[in-house]
């Protein structure tokens, strides 16, 4: 070997430790500089107190409180609610970033403990995390339960209940006896929902008692879901259930479970007695049939999945629909000229020598516009179901850490003066021209049912039930506020938005032939 080769060989051996040290130093400096590089900040927001953060300053009417905070801190802001970081967005563009541009990352919901308690650990469509199990369940519900064909097959059940409610209101009108509109609509929605869910499985004589049980349970469930829970703000305290809310929800869950078990048991007895002819007479039979078919699939449907879906439909199909119709009726009674326009359309399409059928609904654009305008001013879930990012994200130029609770203030977005003319006024005619505003969530200035993957699955069902009920109430009766009662449109915030003062009105029959009420 040459002297030069020997020299390089020796140098290589001697320099290797120094080279390693130099490389370590270089990488350490680069890592330090990278960590020191500026990252987008968290959104701005009001200052809070140690430990509890902004909790003591929350206004019970969160939708209006968040709207006021946006005026001070901008369209996206943060709140520290206990140990939970919360971000609120208030504009269509920010809603689009979350619900469309980053839909997959924001497809999980932030699940309160009370919701887990009443949905078998969160096995329903609302609270299940985004994934194979959720996709399977949603596909089953949309294609098999909420399809046009299935909804059409239950029309006679809906028609029967609407006719029975019309008969009752006619008798009240003849007696000049006012009615609590919300109570009557709730009973209608409850019976409609129950008939579709298990009308073919539960004995007719037991339906009324089941309905009474359900009304009490659902009222308590919605109340508990809307109660702020210390256990959600401080997860380390969850095991203590300091307010007893989870314990109370478990009581509701047991009552609900017993009702569902009885319905399933009766369905199975009927099938055993009469034989299985392959025809499904209600949603419960559809679900149980799918459970058996999917038993060996990669993501099987269990009895608890079935029950959780039924809970979704009962709660979503009664309370939310009731509140929407009550808002519609209150607005129309307070605007007699709009009431007359709606009734004129019904008289032209249906006629005063006929009764409303679901087939008329597609020919009633003004009635649809009235519903859309009501859902604009009074969205059923004003802050939507809170979303939760699976990974840290950027929204509006700000950092949104993983697992942050995200509120989308639809109430504020749908009253934005930069988007809507006369935003606080009830003007249904705006939707006669604004064809792009439907319920599909593609216009981010109008999101009454949400948008993206987690958009409400029951839109078609809700639209049918609400429009059919509303059209019948307006076609069959005039409505006035009786002496001693007031019409108050002030809203009450909760898990769903509702009238603060229940609407009490007198139904006055407007069809000349009394046979149309029987």
Protein backbone atom coordinates (compact mmCIF):
# COMPACT_ATOMS: atom_id res chain seq x y z
CA UNK A 1 0.00 0.00 0.00
CA UNK A 2 1.31 3.49 -0.91
CA UNK A 3 2.21 6.09 1.78
CA UNK A 4 -0.67 8.28 0.58
CA UNK A 5 -3.12 5.43 1.00
CA UNK A 6 -1.80 4.74 4.46
CA UNK A 7 -2.19 8.42 5.36
CA UNK A 8 -5.85 8.57 4.31
CA UNK A 9 -6.59 5.30 6.00
CA UNK A 10 -5.18 6.53 9.30
CA UNK A 11 -6.96 9.89 9.03
CA UNK A 12 -10.30 8.22 8.38
CA UNK A 13 -10.04 6.19 11.53
CA UNK A 14 -8.94 9.18 13.61
CA UNK A 15 -11.61 11.63 12.27
CA UNK A 16 -14.69 9.42 12.54
CA UNK A 17 -15.59 10.35 16.17
CA UNK A 18 -15.21 14.05 15.35
CA UNK A 19 -17.45 13.71 12.29
CA UNK A 20 -20.13 12.06 14.38
CA UNK A 21 -19.97 14.85 16.97
CA UNK A 22 -20.22 17.50 14.25
CA UNK A 23 -23.24 15.80 12.66
CA UNK A 24 -24.97 15.52 16.04
CA UNK A 25 -24.35 19.22 16.66
CA UNK A 26 -25.70 20.18 13.23
CA UNK A 27 -28.88 18.10 13.64
CA UNK A 28 -29.39 19.45 17.16
CA UNK A 29 -29.20 23.02 15.91
CA UNK A 30 -31.59 22.29 13.03
CA UNK A 31 -34.07 20.58 15.39
CA UNK A 32 -33.88 23.52 17.79
CA UNK A 33 -34.45 26.03 15.00
CA UNK A 34 -37.37 23.98 13.68
CA UNK A 35 -38.98 23.87 17.11
CA UNK A 36 -38.42 27.60 17.48
CA UNK A 37 -39.99 28.38 14.06
CA UNK A 38 -43.25 30.32 14.45
CA UNK A 39 -46.42 28.20 14.42
CA UNK A 40 -49.88 29.61 13.67
CA UNK A 41 -51.39 30.71 16.98
CA UNK A 42 -54.56 29.52 18.64
CA UNK A 43 -57.64 31.63 17.87
CA UNK A 44 -58.13 34.74 20.02
CA UNK A 45 -60.66 34.74 22.82
CA UNK A 46 -61.68 36.26 26.14
CA UNK A 47 -59.43 35.79 29.14
CA UNK A 48 -60.54 33.30 31.74
CA UNK A 49 -59.74 32.33 35.32
CA UNK A 50 -57.23 29.72 36.47
CA UNK A 51 -58.51 26.11 36.34
CA UNK A 52 -62.14 26.95 35.43
CA UNK A 53 -61.26 29.15 32.45
CA UNK A 54 -64.28 30.88 30.89
CA UNK A 55 -66.89 28.65 32.55
CA UNK A 56 -68.10 31.23 35.11
CA UNK A 57 -68.82 33.77 32.38
CA UNK A 58 -70.95 31.62 30.08
CA UNK A 59 -74.42 32.93 29.30
CA UNK A 60 -77.13 30.22 29.29
CA UNK A 61 -78.20 31.37 25.80
CA UNK A 62 -75.00 30.18 24.16
CA UNK A 63 -76.06 30.95 20.57
CA UNK A 64 -76.53 34.69 21.25
CA UNK A 65 -73.60 34.80 23.68
CA UNK A 66 -71.25 33.35 21.06
CA UNK A 67 -72.58 35.82 18.48
CA UNK A 68 -71.71 38.74 20.78
CA UNK A 69 -68.23 37.31 21.47
CA UNK A 70 -67.62 37.10 17.71
CA UNK A 71 -68.22 40.85 17.46
CA UNK A 72 -65.40 41.42 19.95
CA UNK A 73 -62.93 38.64 19.10
CA UNK A 74 -63.61 37.88 15.45
CA UNK A 75 -65.45 35.14 13.55
CA UNK A 76 -63.35 32.37 15.12
CA UNK A 77 -62.47 32.41 18.80
CA UNK A 78 -61.52 30.07 21.62
CA UNK A 79 -62.83 29.46 25.11
CA UNK A 80 -61.25 27.40 27.86
CA UNK A 81 -64.13 25.53 29.50
CA UNK A 82 -62.47 23.78 32.40
CA UNK A 83 -59.80 21.58 30.89
CA UNK A 84 -61.64 21.48 27.54
CA UNK A 85 -60.47 23.78 24.75
CA UNK A 86 -63.49 24.96 22.75
CA UNK A 87 -63.49 26.84 19.44
CA UNK A 88 -66.51 28.60 17.95
CA UNK A 89 -66.86 29.58 14.27
CA UNK A 90 -69.46 32.06 13.05
CA UNK A 91 -69.14 32.52 9.26
CA UNK A 92 -70.03 30.44 6.17
CA UNK A 93 -66.41 30.38 4.95
CA UNK A 94 -65.13 28.94 8.24
CA UNK A 95 -67.99 26.43 8.32
CA UNK A 96 -66.98 25.36 4.81
CA UNK A 97 -63.36 24.82 5.90
CA UNK A 98 -64.52 22.44 8.63
CA UNK A 99 -67.49 20.70 7.00
CA UNK A 100 -66.12 20.36 3.45
CA UNK A 101 -62.41 21.16 3.01
CA UNK A 102 -61.39 19.18 6.12
CA UNK A 103 -64.50 17.06 6.48
CA UNK A 104 -62.76 13.76 7.28
CA UNK A 105 -60.58 15.25 10.01
CA UNK A 106 -63.63 16.91 11.64
CA UNK A 107 -66.02 13.98 11.15
CA UNK A 108 -66.04 12.88 14.78
CA UNK A 109 -68.44 14.40 17.29
CA UNK A 110 -67.61 15.48 20.82
CA UNK A 111 -69.68 13.04 22.88
CA UNK A 112 -71.08 14.15 26.25
CA UNK A 113 -71.24 11.50 28.95
CA UNK A 114 -75.02 11.77 29.21
CA UNK A 115 -75.30 10.91 25.50
CA UNK A 116 -73.20 7.79 25.97
CA UNK A 117 -75.46 6.74 28.81
CA UNK A 118 -78.62 6.78 26.71
CA UNK A 119 -77.27 5.41 23.40
CA UNK A 120 -75.70 2.15 24.59
CA UNK A 121 -72.23 3.65 24.82
CA UNK A 122 -72.66 5.86 21.74
CA UNK A 123 -73.72 3.20 19.21
CA UNK A 124 -76.13 5.47 17.32
CA UNK A 125 -75.63 7.52 14.16
CA UNK A 126 -75.17 10.79 16.02
CA UNK A 127 -72.37 9.79 18.37
CA UNK A 128 -70.52 6.87 16.77
CA UNK A 129 -66.98 7.88 15.70
CA UNK A 130 -66.41 8.09 11.97
CA UNK A 131 -65.25 4.73 10.68
CA UNK A 132 -66.38 1.39 9.28
CA UNK A 133 -69.03 0.81 11.96
CA UNK A 134 -70.59 4.26 11.47
CA UNK A 135 -70.48 3.99 7.66
CA UNK A 136 -72.18 0.60 7.77
CA UNK A 137 -74.95 1.80 10.07
CA UNK A 138 -75.59 4.99 8.13
CA UNK A 139 -75.70 3.10 4.84
CA UNK A 140 -78.24 0.68 6.27
CA UNK A 141 -80.43 3.50 7.59
CA UNK A 142 -80.30 5.66 4.48
CA UNK A 143 -80.77 2.87 1.92
CA UNK A 144 -83.11 0.59 3.82
CA UNK A 145 -85.00 2.71 6.34
CA UNK A 146 -85.02 6.29 5.05
CA UNK A 147 -85.26 5.66 1.31
CA UNK A 148 -88.15 7.10 -0.68
CA UNK A 149 -89.58 3.63 -1.24
CA UNK A 150 -89.63 2.78 2.49
CA UNK A 151 -91.05 6.17 3.46
CA UNK A 152 -93.76 5.80 0.82
CA UNK A 153 -94.71 2.42 2.24
CA UNK A 154 -95.54 4.03 5.60
CA UNK A 155 -97.75 6.78 4.21
CA UNK A 156 -101.01 5.22 5.40
CA UNK A 157 -99.66 5.16 8.95
CA UNK A 158 -98.86 8.87 8.74
CA UNK A 159 -102.20 9.68 7.12
CA UNK A 160 -104.14 7.82 9.81
CA UNK A 161 -102.48 9.77 12.63
CA UNK A 162 -102.92 13.15 10.89
CA UNK A 163 -106.65 12.46 10.39
CA UNK A 164 -107.06 11.52 14.06
CA UNK A 165 -105.34 14.73 15.18
CA UNK A 166 -107.48 16.80 12.79
CA UNK A 167 -110.61 15.24 14.27
CA UNK A 168 -109.50 16.13 17.79
CA UNK A 169 -108.69 19.75 16.85
CA UNK A 170 -112.04 20.09 15.08
CA UNK A 171 -113.83 19.09 18.28
CA UNK A 172 -111.78 21.61 20.25
CA UNK A 173 -112.64 24.28 17.71
CA UNK A 174 -116.34 23.50 17.95
CA UNK A 175 -116.09 23.85 21.71
CA UNK A 176 -114.10 27.10 21.29
CA UNK A 177 -111.48 25.50 23.50
CA UNK A 178 -107.86 26.64 22.89
CA UNK A 179 -105.07 24.08 22.64
CA UNK A 180 -101.39 24.01 23.49
CA UNK A 181 -100.07 23.75 19.93
CA UNK A 182 -96.73 22.27 20.98
CA UNK A 183 -98.37 19.51 23.03
CA UNK A 184 -100.69 18.60 20.17
CA UNK A 185 -97.89 18.55 17.62
CA UNK A 186 -95.66 16.55 19.97
CA UNK A 187 -98.38 13.94 20.36
CA UNK A 188 -98.82 13.84 16.58
CA UNK A 189 -95.09 13.49 15.95
CA UNK A 190 -94.79 10.87 18.66
CA UNK A 191 -97.58 8.75 17.25
CA UNK A 192 -96.32 9.19 13.69
CA UNK A 193 -92.83 8.14 14.73
CA UNK A 194 -93.98 5.19 16.83
CA UNK A 195 -96.29 3.93 14.10
CA UNK A 196 -93.42 3.92 11.61
CA UNK A 197 -90.96 2.45 14.10
CA UNK A 198 -93.08 -0.39 15.42
CA UNK A 199 -96.72 0.18 14.42
CA UNK A 200 -96.80 -3.31 12.96
CA UNK A 201 -95.21 -4.87 16.03
CA UNK A 202 -96.88 -3.32 19.08
CA UNK A 203 -100.53 -4.06 19.80
CA UNK A 204 -102.80 -1.11 19.00
CA UNK A 205 -104.30 -1.03 22.50
CA UNK A 206 -100.81 -0.61 23.96
CA UNK A 207 -99.70 2.23 21.69
CA UNK A 208 -101.28 4.97 23.83
CA UNK A 209 -99.62 3.82 27.05
CA UNK A 210 -96.28 3.45 25.27
CA UNK A 211 -96.70 6.98 23.89
CA UNK A 212 -97.34 8.41 27.37
CA UNK A 213 -94.25 6.66 28.72
CA UNK A 214 -92.14 7.89 25.84
CA UNK A 215 -93.20 11.52 26.17
CA UNK A 216 -92.05 11.68 29.77
CA UNK A 217 -88.78 9.89 29.04
CA UNK A 218 -87.93 11.99 25.97
CA UNK A 219 -88.61 15.25 27.78
CA UNK A 220 -86.20 14.22 30.52
CA UNK A 221 -83.58 12.99 28.02
CA UNK A 222 -83.54 16.28 26.11
CA UNK A 223 -83.34 18.22 29.37
CA UNK A 224 -80.36 16.17 30.59
CA UNK A 225 -78.56 16.42 27.25
CA UNK A 226 -78.81 20.20 27.47
CA UNK A 227 -77.51 20.46 31.05
CA UNK A 228 -73.85 21.61 31.33
CA UNK A 229 -71.97 18.74 32.96
CA UNK A 230 -68.88 19.29 35.12
CA UNK A 231 -67.76 15.79 34.18
CA UNK A 232 -67.43 16.85 30.52
CA UNK A 233 -65.37 19.94 31.41
CA UNK A 234 -63.13 18.08 33.88
CA UNK A 235 -62.84 14.44 32.68
CA UNK A 236 -60.80 13.46 35.75
CA UNK A 237 -63.89 14.15 37.85
CA UNK A 238 -66.19 12.10 35.62
CA UNK A 239 -66.18 9.03 37.88
CA UNK A 240 -67.71 11.08 40.68
CA UNK A 241 -70.67 12.33 38.57
CA UNK A 242 -70.88 15.36 40.88
CA UNK A 243 -74.20 16.61 39.48
CA UNK A 244 -75.75 13.17 39.17
CA UNK A 245 -76.63 13.80 35.52
CA UNK A 246 -75.25 10.51 34.22
CA UNK A 247 -77.06 8.63 36.98
CA UNK A 248 -80.34 10.32 36.02
CA UNK A 249 -79.72 9.55 32.35
CA UNK A 250 -79.13 5.89 33.19
CA UNK A 251 -82.59 5.86 34.77
CA UNK A 252 -84.06 7.20 31.50
CA UNK A 253 -81.99 4.70 29.55
CA UNK A 254 -83.37 1.79 31.55
CA UNK A 255 -86.95 2.97 31.03
CA UNK A 256 -86.32 3.43 27.32
CA UNK A 257 -84.61 0.05 27.07
CA UNK A 258 -87.59 -1.66 28.71
CA UNK A 259 -89.96 -0.09 26.17
CA UNK A 260 -87.74 -1.17 23.27
CA UNK A 261 -87.37 -4.68 24.68
CA UNK A 262 -91.16 -5.04 24.86
CA UNK A 263 -91.52 -3.88 21.26
CA UNK A 264 -88.87 -6.35 20.07
CA UNK A 265 -90.44 -9.17 22.10
CA UNK A 266 -93.90 -8.47 20.66
CA UNK A 267 -92.45 -8.37 17.15
CA UNK A 268 -90.82 -11.76 17.63
CA UNK A 269 -94.04 -13.24 19.05
CA UNK A 270 -96.01 -11.96 16.05
CA UNK A 271 -93.47 -13.44 13.67
CA UNK A 272 -93.60 -16.78 15.49
CA UNK A 273 -97.41 -16.83 15.55
CA UNK A 274 -98.10 -15.59 12.01
CA UNK A 275 -94.97 -16.81 10.29
CA UNK A 276 -92.43 -14.71 8.43
CA UNK A 277 -93.82 -13.75 5.02
CA UNK A 278 -90.74 -11.60 4.27
CA UNK A 279 -92.73 -8.34 4.44
CA UNK A 280 -91.58 -5.67 6.91
CA UNK A 281 -94.45 -3.67 8.35
CA UNK A 282 -92.37 -1.16 10.31
CA UNK A 283 -88.81 0.13 10.88
CA UNK A 284 -88.18 -2.25 13.75
CA UNK A 285 -88.86 -5.27 11.55
CA UNK A 286 -86.54 -3.82 8.88
CA UNK A 287 -83.75 -3.33 11.42
CA UNK A 288 -84.08 -6.77 13.00
CA UNK A 289 -84.12 -8.40 9.57
CA UNK A 290 -80.93 -6.50 8.64
CA UNK A 291 -79.38 -7.53 11.97
CA UNK A 292 -79.90 -11.18 11.08
CA UNK A 293 -78.61 -10.68 7.53
CA UNK A 294 -75.49 -8.82 8.69
CA UNK A 295 -74.72 -11.17 11.59
CA UNK A 296 -71.70 -12.65 9.83
CA UNK A 297 -70.42 -9.43 8.24
CA UNK A 298 -67.13 -7.79 9.18
CA UNK A 299 -69.06 -5.12 11.12
CA UNK A 300 -72.19 -6.89 12.40
CA UNK A 301 -75.36 -5.10 13.53
CA UNK A 302 -76.23 -5.94 17.13
CA UNK A 303 -79.46 -5.53 19.09
CA UNK A 304 -77.90 -2.53 20.81
CA UNK A 305 -77.24 -0.93 17.40
CA UNK A 306 -80.92 -1.45 16.59
CA UNK A 307 -82.03 0.12 19.87
CA UNK A 308 -79.62 3.05 19.52
CA UNK A 309 -80.97 3.85 16.04
CA UNK A 310 -84.52 3.71 17.38
CA UNK A 311 -83.52 6.17 20.14
CA UNK A 312 -82.14 8.53 17.47
CA UNK A 313 -85.35 8.40 15.49
CA UNK A 314 -87.65 8.83 18.48
CA UNK A 315 -85.77 11.80 19.94
CA UNK A 316 -85.03 13.39 16.55
CA UNK A 317 -88.47 12.72 15.11
CA UNK A 318 -90.46 14.19 17.99
CA UNK A 319 -88.82 17.01 19.91
CA UNK A 320 -87.09 18.74 16.98
CA UNK A 321 -90.04 18.45 14.58
CA UNK A 322 -92.45 19.68 17.27
CA UNK A 323 -90.39 22.79 17.99
CA UNK A 324 -90.05 23.64 14.31
CA UNK A 325 -93.80 23.43 13.68
CA UNK A 326 -94.52 25.48 16.81
CA UNK A 327 -92.17 28.23 15.55
CA UNK A 328 -93.88 28.14 12.12
CA UNK A 329 -97.34 28.50 13.61
CA UNK A 330 -96.26 31.30 15.96
CA UNK A 331 -94.70 33.28 13.10
CA UNK A 332 -97.71 32.83 10.82
CA UNK A 333 -100.22 33.76 13.53
CA UNK A 334 -98.18 36.91 14.22
CA UNK A 335 -98.10 37.68 10.46
CA UNK A 336 -101.73 37.24 9.26
CA UNK A 337 -100.93 38.27 5.69
CA UNK A 338 -98.36 35.44 5.43
CA UNK A 339 -100.90 33.02 6.93
CA UNK A 340 -103.43 34.05 4.27
CA UNK A 341 -100.86 33.57 1.50
CA UNK A 342 -100.04 30.06 2.73
CA UNK A 343 -103.73 29.16 2.97
CA UNK A 344 -104.41 30.62 -0.47
CA UNK A 345 -101.78 28.33 -1.97
CA UNK A 346 -103.36 25.36 -0.19
CA UNK A 347 -106.83 26.32 -1.44
CA UNK A 348 -105.54 26.55 -5.01
CA UNK A 349 -103.64 23.26 -4.94
CA UNK A 350 -105.76 21.14 -2.59
CA UNK A 351 -109.10 22.95 -2.71
CA UNK A 352 -111.54 23.54 0.13
CA UNK A 353 -113.56 20.53 -0.95
CA UNK A 354 -110.68 18.14 -0.31
CA UNK A 355 -108.14 17.21 2.36
CA UNK A 356 -104.35 17.49 2.19
CA UNK A 357 -102.45 14.43 1.02
CA UNK A 358 -98.68 13.97 0.92
CA UNK A 359 -98.90 13.96 -2.87
CA UNK A 360 -99.81 17.68 -2.68
CA UNK A 361 -96.61 18.66 -0.90
CA UNK A 362 -94.42 18.94 -4.01
CA UNK A 363 -96.90 21.49 -5.42
CA UNK A 364 -96.70 23.81 -2.41
CA UNK A 365 -93.57 25.96 -2.92
CA UNK A 366 -94.70 28.70 -0.53
CA UNK A 367 -95.33 26.23 2.31
CA UNK A 368 -91.82 24.87 1.73
CA UNK A 369 -90.47 28.44 1.74
CA UNK A 370 -92.22 29.03 5.09
CA UNK A 371 -90.49 25.96 6.53
CA UNK A 372 -87.09 27.01 5.16
CA UNK A 373 -87.43 30.51 6.57
CA UNK A 374 -88.42 29.11 9.96
CA UNK A 375 -85.35 26.85 10.00
CA UNK A 376 -83.21 29.85 9.00
CA UNK A 377 -84.37 31.98 11.94
CA UNK A 378 -84.79 29.08 14.37
CA UNK A 379 -82.40 26.24 13.45
CA UNK A 380 -83.31 23.08 15.35
CA UNK A 381 -79.79 22.61 16.76
CA UNK A 382 -78.44 26.18 16.75
CA UNK A 383 -74.80 25.18 17.32
CA UNK A 384 -75.01 21.83 15.50
CA UNK A 385 -73.66 18.73 17.21
CA UNK A 386 -70.12 19.69 18.33
CA UNK A 387 -67.35 18.36 16.07
CA UNK A 388 -63.91 17.18 17.16
CA UNK A 389 -60.78 17.03 14.93
CA UNK A 390 -58.88 13.75 14.89
CA UNK A 391 -55.62 15.61 14.18
CA UNK A 392 -54.36 19.14 14.75
CA UNK A 393 -55.62 21.39 11.94
CA UNK A 394 -55.53 24.92 10.58
CA UNK A 395 -58.82 26.81 10.30
CA UNK A 396 -59.01 30.47 9.36
CA UNK A 397 -55.22 30.71 9.74
CA UNK A 398 -55.33 29.49 13.35
CA UNK A 399 -54.17 26.25 14.93
CA UNK A 400 -56.95 23.95 16.13
CA UNK A 401 -55.42 21.27 18.38
CA UNK A 402 -56.49 17.65 18.16
CA UNK A 403 -59.69 16.82 20.11
CA UNK A 404 -60.78 20.46 20.45
CA UNK A 405 -64.56 20.89 20.83
CA UNK A 406 -65.87 22.76 17.78
CA UNK A 407 -69.13 24.68 17.77
CA UNK A 408 -70.50 25.92 14.43
CA UNK A 409 -72.87 28.77 15.26
CA UNK A 410 -75.50 28.14 12.60
CA UNK A 411 -77.91 30.49 14.38
CA UNK A 412 -75.45 33.35 13.82
CA UNK A 413 -74.51 32.30 10.27
CA UNK A 414 -78.15 32.21 9.18
CA UNK A 415 -78.71 35.73 10.51
CA UNK A 416 -75.52 37.20 9.04
CA UNK A 417 -76.38 40.65 7.54
CA UNK A 418 -73.54 40.22 5.04
CA UNK A 419 -75.41 37.25 3.55
CA UNK A 420 -79.10 37.83 4.26
CA UNK A 421 -81.23 40.90 3.58
CA UNK A 422 -83.37 41.88 6.58
CA UNK A 423 -81.78 38.96 8.47
CA UNK A 424 -83.96 39.14 11.59
CA UNK A 425 -87.28 39.42 9.73
CA UNK A 426 -89.52 36.48 8.83
CA UNK A 427 -89.70 36.66 5.01
CA UNK A 428 -90.49 33.27 3.42
CA UNK A 429 -90.55 34.77 -0.09
CA UNK A 430 -86.75 35.01 -0.04
CA UNK A 431 -86.66 31.22 -0.57
CA UNK A 432 -88.91 31.33 -3.63
CA UNK A 433 -85.97 32.82 -5.53
CA UNK A 434 -83.06 31.38 -3.53
CA UNK A 435 -83.25 27.92 -5.08
CA UNK A 436 -79.70 27.00 -4.02
CA UNK A 437 -80.75 26.95 -0.36
CA UNK A 438 -82.00 23.44 0.23
CA UNK A 439 -81.42 21.02 3.08
CA UNK A 440 -78.38 19.26 1.57
CA UNK A 441 -75.76 21.46 3.25
CA UNK A 442 -74.06 22.63 0.06
CA UNK A 443 -74.73 26.32 0.76
CA UNK A 444 -72.71 27.14 3.88
CA UNK A 445 -74.83 30.17 4.71
CA UNK A 446 -77.78 27.81 5.29
CA UNK A 447 -77.10 24.70 7.38
CA UNK A 448 -80.22 23.78 9.39
CA UNK A 449 -79.37 20.06 9.18
CA UNK A 450 -75.58 20.38 9.10
CA UNK A 451 -73.33 19.39 6.20
CA UNK A 452 -70.69 16.92 5.11
CA UNK A 453 -70.44 13.31 6.19
CA UNK A 454 -72.26 13.93 9.47
CA UNK A 455 -75.25 15.72 7.96
CA UNK A 456 -78.54 14.59 9.54
CA UNK A 457 -79.56 11.23 8.06
CA UNK A 458 -83.27 11.79 8.67
CA UNK A 459 -83.81 14.90 6.52
CA UNK A 460 -86.23 13.20 4.11
CA UNK A 461 -88.31 11.80 6.96
CA UNK A 462 -88.39 15.12 8.87
CA UNK A 463 -89.33 17.06 5.75
CA UNK A 464 -92.26 14.77 5.00
CA UNK A 465 -93.60 14.70 8.52
CA UNK A 466 -93.29 18.44 9.10
CA UNK A 467 -94.67 19.60 5.75
CA UNK A 468 -97.60 17.17 5.81
CA UNK A 469 -98.54 18.12 9.38
CA UNK A 470 -98.08 21.83 8.75
CA UNK A 471 -100.08 21.84 5.53
CA UNK A 472 -102.96 20.03 7.25
CA UNK A 473 -103.02 22.45 10.21
CA UNK A 474 -103.11 25.48 7.90
CA UNK A 475 -105.59 24.04 5.39
CA UNK A 476 -108.09 22.73 7.93
CA UNK A 477 -108.07 25.58 10.45
CA UNK A 478 -107.70 29.29 11.02
CA UNK A 479 -105.75 30.08 14.17
CA UNK A 480 -106.15 32.90 16.69
CA UNK A 481 -104.72 33.74 20.11
CA UNK A 482 -107.49 33.49 22.74
CA UNK A 483 -108.09 36.12 25.40
CA UNK A 484 -105.79 35.79 28.36
CA UNK A 485 -102.91 34.39 26.31
CA UNK A 486 -100.01 36.13 24.59
CA UNK A 487 -98.00 35.33 21.48
CA UNK A 488 -94.32 35.49 22.40
CA UNK A 489 -91.64 34.53 19.87
CA UNK A 490 -88.77 34.62 22.36
CA UNK A 491 -86.68 31.48 22.03
CA UNK A 492 -85.25 29.21 24.70
CA UNK A 493 -81.80 27.72 24.14
CA UNK A 494 -81.11 24.06 24.83
CA UNK A 495 -79.94 20.94 23.04
CA UNK A 496 -82.71 21.98 20.63
CA UNK A 497 -84.16 25.47 20.19
CA UNK A 498 -87.75 25.97 21.35
CA UNK A 499 -90.27 28.67 22.17
CA UNK A 500 -89.77 30.04 25.66
CA UNK A 501 -93.53 30.58 26.11
CA UNK A 502 -95.64 27.68 24.78
CA UNK A 503 -98.00 28.65 21.96
CA UNK A 504 -101.67 28.42 22.97
CA UNK A 505 -104.13 29.05 20.11
CA UNK A 506 -107.72 28.39 19.10
CA UNK A 507 -108.26 26.19 16.00
CA UNK A 508 -111.22 27.48 13.97
CA UNK A 509 -112.47 25.01 11.33
CA UNK A 510 -112.31 26.62 7.87
CA UNK A 511 -113.65 23.80 5.66
CA UNK A 512 -117.40 23.93 5.01
CA UNK A 513 -117.93 20.17 5.00
CA UNK A 514 -117.49 18.71 8.49
CA UNK A 515 -116.94 15.25 6.97
CA UNK A 516 -113.43 16.38 6.01
CA UNK A 517 -112.53 16.34 9.70
CA UNK A 518 -113.51 12.72 10.29
